[in-house]
Protein backbone atom coordinates (compact mmCIF):
# COMPACT_ATOMS: atom_id res chain seq x y z
CA MET A 1 200.55 178.97 53.97
CA SER A 2 200.28 176.17 56.47
CA SER A 3 197.71 173.82 57.93
CA MET A 4 196.63 173.69 61.56
CA PRO A 5 195.58 170.60 63.57
CA ARG A 6 191.85 169.99 63.63
CA ALA A 7 189.76 169.53 66.73
CA ALA A 8 187.68 166.36 66.39
CA GLY A 9 184.08 167.03 65.43
CA LEU A 10 184.62 170.58 64.16
CA PRO A 11 184.13 171.70 60.54
CA ARG A 12 187.22 173.06 58.85
CA SER A 13 185.92 176.62 58.96
CA ALA A 14 186.57 176.48 62.74
CA TRP A 15 190.14 175.12 62.79
CA ARG A 16 191.37 177.02 59.71
CA PHE A 17 189.78 180.38 60.48
CA ALA A 18 192.92 181.93 62.02
CA ALA A 19 195.44 180.31 59.65
CA VAL A 20 194.17 180.87 56.15
CA GLY A 21 195.88 183.35 53.91
CA ALA A 22 193.42 184.14 51.22
CA VAL A 23 190.22 186.06 50.65
CA ILE A 24 187.47 186.07 48.01
CA VAL A 25 185.84 189.35 46.88
CA GLY A 26 182.21 189.62 45.46
CA ALA A 27 180.38 191.44 42.28
CA LEU A 28 179.08 194.96 41.80
CA LEU A 29 177.01 196.26 44.74
CA SER A 30 174.28 198.91 44.54
CA ALA A 31 173.66 201.30 47.43
CA ALA A 32 170.37 199.52 48.20
CA ALA A 33 172.13 196.17 48.62
CA GLN A 34 174.41 197.14 51.52
CA ALA A 35 173.15 194.50 53.93
CA SER A 36 174.21 191.24 55.56
CA ASP A 37 173.37 189.12 52.49
CA ILE A 38 176.26 190.36 50.35
CA CYS A 39 178.86 187.69 51.16
CA GLN A 40 176.75 184.57 51.08
CA VAL A 41 177.40 181.06 49.88
CA GLY A 42 176.09 180.70 46.33
CA ASP A 43 176.71 184.31 45.33
CA PRO A 44 176.64 184.35 41.49
CA ALA A 45 179.67 186.64 41.64
CA ASN A 46 181.73 183.54 42.42
CA ALA A 47 182.07 183.02 38.67
CA GLY A 48 184.43 186.02 38.41
CA LEU A 49 186.92 185.39 41.21
CA GLY A 50 190.58 186.44 40.97
CA LEU A 51 193.73 186.26 43.09
CA ALA A 52 195.43 189.19 44.88
CA GLU A 53 197.39 189.88 48.07
CA VAL A 54 197.26 192.18 51.09
CA ARG A 55 199.51 195.24 50.65
CA PRO A 56 199.81 197.23 53.94
CA SER A 57 202.78 196.31 56.15
CA LYS A 58 200.53 196.29 59.24
CA GLY A 59 197.92 194.11 57.53
CA ILE A 60 194.19 194.85 57.34
CA ASP A 61 191.07 194.21 59.40
CA LEU A 62 188.00 192.87 57.65
CA ARG A 63 184.99 195.20 57.89
CA LYS A 64 181.56 193.86 58.81
CA THR A 65 178.87 193.40 56.17
CA GLU A 66 175.78 194.56 58.11
CA ALA A 67 174.39 197.99 57.16
CA PRO A 68 175.46 200.74 57.65
CA CYS A 69 178.88 199.09 57.22
CA PRO A 70 181.38 199.18 55.64
CA ASP A 71 183.22 202.21 56.98
CA ASP A 72 186.35 202.93 59.04
CA SER A 73 184.58 203.08 62.39
CA GLY A 74 185.23 200.71 65.27
CA LEU A 75 181.63 199.55 64.95
CA CYS A 76 182.39 198.05 61.53
CA LYS A 77 185.67 196.37 62.49
CA SER A 78 185.43 192.56 62.51
CA SER A 79 187.54 190.18 64.59
CA LEU A 80 189.52 188.87 61.60
CA HIS A 81 192.89 190.43 60.76
CA LEU A 82 194.82 189.59 57.59
CA LYS A 83 198.60 190.01 57.49
CA LYS A 84 200.76 191.59 54.77
CA ASN A 85 201.14 189.36 51.69
CA GLU A 86 198.25 187.10 52.66
CA LEU A 87 196.32 186.13 49.56
CA VAL A 88 192.99 187.54 48.47
CA LEU A 89 190.66 186.27 45.76
CA THR A 90 188.76 189.07 44.09
CA THR A 91 185.66 189.80 42.01
CA SER A 92 183.95 193.19 41.65
CA ARG A 93 181.28 193.51 44.35
CA ILE A 94 182.00 197.10 45.35
CA SER A 95 180.63 199.48 47.98
CA GLY A 96 182.36 202.84 47.60
CA PRO A 97 186.08 202.31 48.29
CA TYR A 98 185.45 198.81 49.68
CA VAL A 99 185.16 195.36 48.16
CA CYS A 100 183.30 192.45 49.74
CA VAL A 101 185.61 189.55 50.59
CA TYR A 102 185.42 185.88 51.58
CA VAL A 103 188.14 184.07 53.49
CA ALA A 104 189.56 181.36 51.24
CA GLY A 105 190.52 178.02 52.71
CA SER A 106 187.32 178.27 54.75
CA SER A 107 183.61 178.18 54.08
CA MET A 108 182.34 180.76 51.60
CA ASP A 109 180.11 182.32 54.27
CA VAL A 110 183.14 183.76 56.12
CA GLY A 111 183.57 187.24 54.73
CA GLY A 112 183.68 190.99 55.11
CA TYR A 113 184.93 194.14 53.38
CA VAL A 114 188.40 195.54 52.70
CA LYS A 115 189.50 198.69 50.89
CA GLN A 116 190.30 198.13 47.23
CA THR A 117 193.58 200.03 47.61
CA ASP A 118 194.71 197.53 50.28
CA ILE A 119 194.93 194.60 47.85
CA ALA A 120 197.04 194.01 44.71
CA PRO A 121 196.38 191.45 41.92
CA ARG A 122 198.75 188.52 41.55
CA PRO A 123 200.23 187.94 38.07
CA PRO A 124 198.39 185.23 36.09
CA LEU A 125 199.93 181.77 35.79
CA PRO A 126 199.80 179.54 32.68
CA LEU A 127 197.24 176.76 32.40
CA LYS A 128 199.95 174.07 32.51
CA ALA A 129 200.93 175.21 36.03
CA TRP A 130 197.65 173.78 37.37
CA LYS A 131 198.26 170.26 36.08
CA GLY A 132 199.12 167.49 38.53
CA LYS A 133 198.08 165.81 41.75
CA TRP A 134 197.84 168.09 44.77
CA ARG A 135 197.68 166.86 48.37
CA GLU A 136 196.53 168.39 51.66
CA ALA A 137 197.85 167.62 55.16
CA PHE A 138 194.88 165.46 56.24
CA GLY A 139 194.91 163.24 53.18
CA ASN A 140 192.61 165.17 50.82
CA TRP A 141 193.78 165.17 47.22
CA ILE A 142 192.84 166.94 43.98
CA LYS A 143 194.10 165.92 40.54
CA LEU A 144 193.84 168.53 37.79
CA ARG A 145 194.22 167.97 34.05
CA VAL A 146 194.18 170.39 31.12
CA GLU A 147 191.17 170.05 28.78
CA GLY A 148 191.58 172.61 26.01
CA ASP A 149 191.23 176.03 27.63
CA ALA A 150 189.77 174.60 30.84
CA LEU A 151 190.56 172.17 33.64
CA GLY A 152 189.03 168.84 34.54
CA ALA A 153 189.31 167.50 38.08
CA GLU A 154 188.99 164.47 40.27
CA GLY A 155 189.63 164.27 43.97
CA GLU A 156 188.55 163.04 47.35
CA ALA A 157 188.14 164.64 50.78
CA PHE A 158 187.97 162.95 54.19
CA TYR A 159 186.82 163.63 57.72
CA PRO A 160 188.49 163.54 60.23
CA SER A 161 191.38 162.43 57.95
CA ALA A 162 192.14 159.85 55.28
CA HIS A 163 193.39 157.34 57.86
CA PRO A 164 191.81 158.10 61.25
CA SER A 165 192.34 155.97 64.34
CA LYS A 166 189.56 153.64 65.44
CA GLU A 167 188.95 155.98 68.37
CA GLU A 168 188.41 158.92 66.02
CA ALA A 169 186.25 157.09 63.48
CA PRO A 170 185.36 153.48 64.32
CA GLY A 171 183.65 153.01 60.95
CA GLY A 172 186.30 154.80 58.94
CA PRO A 173 186.35 158.37 57.59
CA ASN A 174 183.48 160.25 56.02
CA THR A 175 184.28 160.93 52.38
CA GLY A 176 183.35 163.28 49.54
CA ASP A 177 184.14 163.59 45.82
CA MET A 178 185.47 166.59 43.90
CA PRO A 179 183.11 168.12 41.31
CA PRO A 180 184.69 167.22 37.93
CA GLY A 181 184.34 170.51 36.08
CA PRO A 182 185.29 171.55 33.49
CA ALA A 183 186.34 174.89 34.95
CA ALA A 184 188.12 177.68 33.09
CA PRO A 185 190.58 179.54 35.34
CA HIS A 186 190.15 183.30 35.58
CA ASN A 187 192.80 185.44 37.29
CA ASN A 188 194.32 182.31 38.91
CA VAL A 189 190.98 181.01 40.25
CA ALA A 190 188.83 178.10 39.02
CA VAL A 191 185.37 177.19 40.38
CA PHE A 192 184.41 173.51 40.11
CA ALA A 193 180.73 172.59 40.21
CA TYR A 194 178.58 169.76 38.92
CA PRO A 195 177.57 170.67 35.34
CA ASP A 196 173.86 169.99 35.87
CA ASP A 197 173.49 171.64 39.29
CA HIS A 198 174.57 175.21 40.06
CA GLY A 199 172.21 175.86 42.96
CA PRO A 200 173.53 177.14 46.31
CA ASP A 201 173.00 173.70 47.86
CA SER A 202 175.24 171.94 45.31
CA CYS A 203 178.89 171.33 46.18
CA ARG A 204 181.29 173.89 44.71
CA VAL A 205 185.06 173.85 45.20
CA ILE A 206 186.93 177.11 44.60
CA VAL A 207 190.60 176.57 43.72
CA ALA A 208 193.20 179.39 43.63
CA LEU A 209 196.71 178.79 42.29
CA ASP A 210 199.61 180.64 43.91
CA ASN A 211 202.83 179.25 42.43
CA ALA A 212 203.56 176.07 44.44
CA ALA A 213 200.24 175.95 46.34
CA LEU A 214 196.54 175.50 45.71
CA VAL A 215 194.44 177.47 48.20
CA VAL A 216 191.07 175.72 48.22
CA SER A 217 187.68 176.83 49.55
CA ASP A 218 184.24 175.27 49.36
CA ASN A 219 180.65 176.32 49.97
CA VAL A 220 180.11 173.93 52.89
CA THR A 221 178.59 175.51 55.99
CA ASP A 222 176.84 172.60 57.70
CA GLY A 223 176.17 168.94 57.03
CA GLY A 224 177.56 167.07 54.03
CA ILE A 225 177.04 169.24 50.96
CA CYS A 226 180.34 167.93 49.48
CA GLY A 227 180.01 164.42 50.94
CA GLY A 228 179.61 162.94 54.42
CA ALA A 229 179.26 164.96 57.62
CA ASN A 230 182.02 167.55 58.16
CA VAL A 231 183.76 166.66 54.88
CA ARG A 232 185.58 169.71 53.51
CA PHE A 233 187.88 170.32 50.55
CA SER A 234 189.13 173.62 51.98
CA GLY A 235 192.81 173.90 52.82
CA ASP A 236 196.27 174.31 51.31
CA TYR A 237 197.43 171.70 48.78
CA TYR A 238 200.91 170.97 47.41
CA LYS A 239 202.32 168.63 44.75
């Protein structure tokens, strides 16, 4: 996993879209619900996320979410291709042989379908593996601590970076704070939200642990839901 340079003024979903290596999959889907609203920010299925990886050697193409998709036709093929061993974060939103997925490291509105047989769960990691201070290439940081069977967090995100030039940000960077939790990891994924506000317009930070890296997503699509304008927590973090 690696980070790409950002274009000034763009949200992270734009500059990370082609580089991220993880996906988030949604909860059980009825036949009547096969429509474009299945992979949205604020989906309550986000509480059951888990970590997996892409299996086929040639990779997989995400399938579109609009009815009558998903299927194997060219009409349902999206523009996003995921390579072998790229990470996926799973729940159980199922439509036949397909599961609905979100691209991690991006906004939670970037999603589609993949076949369930094309992904494989990652083995769970112990709670102590999460502990420590994790840093991202543009200066964002997240500090995780163990609180019983859950995790507490603190952290800060910046736009365009933690230390921008005066030309980039004459008044200094826009900033945002990490929701503190607590969050109990499930299948190597923890969702941090403010305890008194779980609405779709409240900042949520979705953290997946893959050995030496945190792959982080958020539910930011526009504006400053997690802080100032264009502030995002999404990205790859390392100790």
